[in-house]
Protein backbone atom coordinates (compact mmCIF):
# COMPACT_ATOMS: atom_id res chain seq x y z
CA MET A 1 8.87 -13.73 0.15
CA HIS A 2 5.07 -13.19 -0.96
CA GLU A 3 4.90 -10.16 1.23
CA MET A 4 7.81 -8.47 -0.54
CA SER A 5 6.19 -9.22 -3.87
CA VAL A 6 3.06 -7.50 -2.91
CA LEU A 7 4.80 -4.64 -1.41
CA ASN A 8 6.93 -4.23 -4.50
CA SER A 9 3.99 -4.19 -6.76
CA LEU A 10 2.21 -1.67 -4.45
CA MET A 11 5.28 0.60 -4.63
CA ASN A 12 5.70 0.34 -8.37
CA LYS A 13 1.91 1.68 -8.60
CA VAL A 14 2.73 4.44 -6.17
CA ASP A 15 5.73 5.40 -8.06
CA GLU A 16 3.60 5.42 -11.29
CA LEU A 17 1.17 7.72 -9.70
CA THR A 18 3.56 10.10 -8.18
CA ALA A 19 5.35 10.63 -11.43
CA ALA A 20 1.97 11.14 -13.26
CA GLN A 21 0.94 13.49 -10.58
CA GLY A 22 4.29 15.27 -10.99
CA SER A 23 4.62 15.24 -7.05
CA ALA A 24 7.79 14.64 -5.14
CA ARG A 25 6.15 13.24 -1.89
CA VAL A 26 3.18 11.01 -0.96
CA VAL A 27 1.38 12.22 2.18
CA SER A 28 -0.90 9.14 2.83
CA LEU A 29 -2.20 6.01 1.38
CA ARG A 30 -5.53 4.16 1.91
CA VAL A 31 -4.97 0.44 1.47
CA ARG A 32 -7.53 -2.23 1.76
CA LEU A 33 -6.23 -5.69 2.99
CA GLY A 34 -8.03 -8.73 1.59
CA ALA A 35 -9.41 -11.29 4.14
CA LEU A 36 -7.28 -14.00 2.77
CA SER A 37 -4.13 -11.72 2.09
CA HIS A 38 -2.36 -13.10 4.96
CA PHE A 39 -1.63 -9.56 6.23
CA THR A 40 -2.56 -8.00 9.35
CA LYS A 41 -2.34 -4.38 9.65
CA GLU A 42 0.81 -4.19 11.73
CA HIS A 43 2.56 -6.89 9.60
CA PHE A 44 1.70 -4.92 6.41
CA GLN A 45 2.76 -1.68 8.07
CA GLU A 46 6.30 -3.24 8.83
CA HIS A 47 6.90 -4.34 5.34
CA PHE A 48 5.47 -1.07 3.99
CA ASP A 49 8.10 0.94 6.03
CA ILE A 50 10.90 -1.29 4.51
CA ALA A 51 9.61 -1.00 1.09
CA ALA A 52 9.01 2.84 1.27
CA ARG A 53 12.53 3.55 2.19
CA GLY A 54 14.13 5.97 -0.13
CA THR A 55 10.87 6.51 -2.10
CA ALA A 56 8.34 9.25 -2.41
CA ALA A 57 6.09 7.20 0.03
CA GLU A 58 8.83 7.09 2.90
CA GLY A 59 7.10 8.34 5.96
CA ALA A 60 3.72 8.61 4.38
CA ARG A 61 0.67 7.65 6.61
CA LEU A 62 -1.20 4.42 5.96
CA HIS A 63 -4.76 4.04 6.38
CA LEU A 64 -5.38 0.30 6.43
CA VAL A 65 -8.66 -1.39 6.32
CA GLN A 66 -8.80 -4.96 7.10
CA MET A 67 -11.50 -6.86 5.22
CA THR A 68 -13.27 -9.91 6.45
CA ASP A 69 -15.31 -11.06 3.73
CA ALA A 70 -13.57 -14.00 2.34
CA THR A 71 -16.02 -14.17 -0.89
CA ASP A 72 -14.95 -10.56 -1.95
CA PRO A 73 -13.24 -10.75 -5.43
CA ASN A 74 -10.10 -9.17 -3.85
CA ALA A 75 -10.11 -11.27 -0.88
CA GLN A 76 -6.63 -12.61 -1.56
CA GLY A 77 -5.21 -9.37 -2.39
CA VAL A 78 -4.09 -5.69 -1.49
CA VAL A 79 -5.83 -2.90 -2.98
CA LEU A 80 -4.53 0.65 -3.08
CA GLU A 81 -7.82 2.63 -2.58
CA SER A 82 -6.33 6.17 -2.58
CA ILE A 83 -3.24 8.29 -2.44
CA GLU A 84 -2.59 11.66 -1.35
CA PHE A 85 0.15 13.74 -2.47
CA GLU A 86 2.00 16.85 -1.10
CA ALA A 87 0.53 19.96 -2.18
């Protein structure tokens, strides 16, 4: 259940940014996975695909960076680093 909470939070942020941009579609996202976030790239991709269904981010490319530093302040989290919208 932790996974869906994290993804719901991410999708809320994506929806907010999409509305602010006035865009209809997200092309790609760059996301940093904390060393202690309990996500692998593959696991996060699976959950993202489910959470993005029916949203502006459906079909968007994910660029995932798996962090290894357990002392990083965001080691337990998932951080949206950038988002690219359709032109």
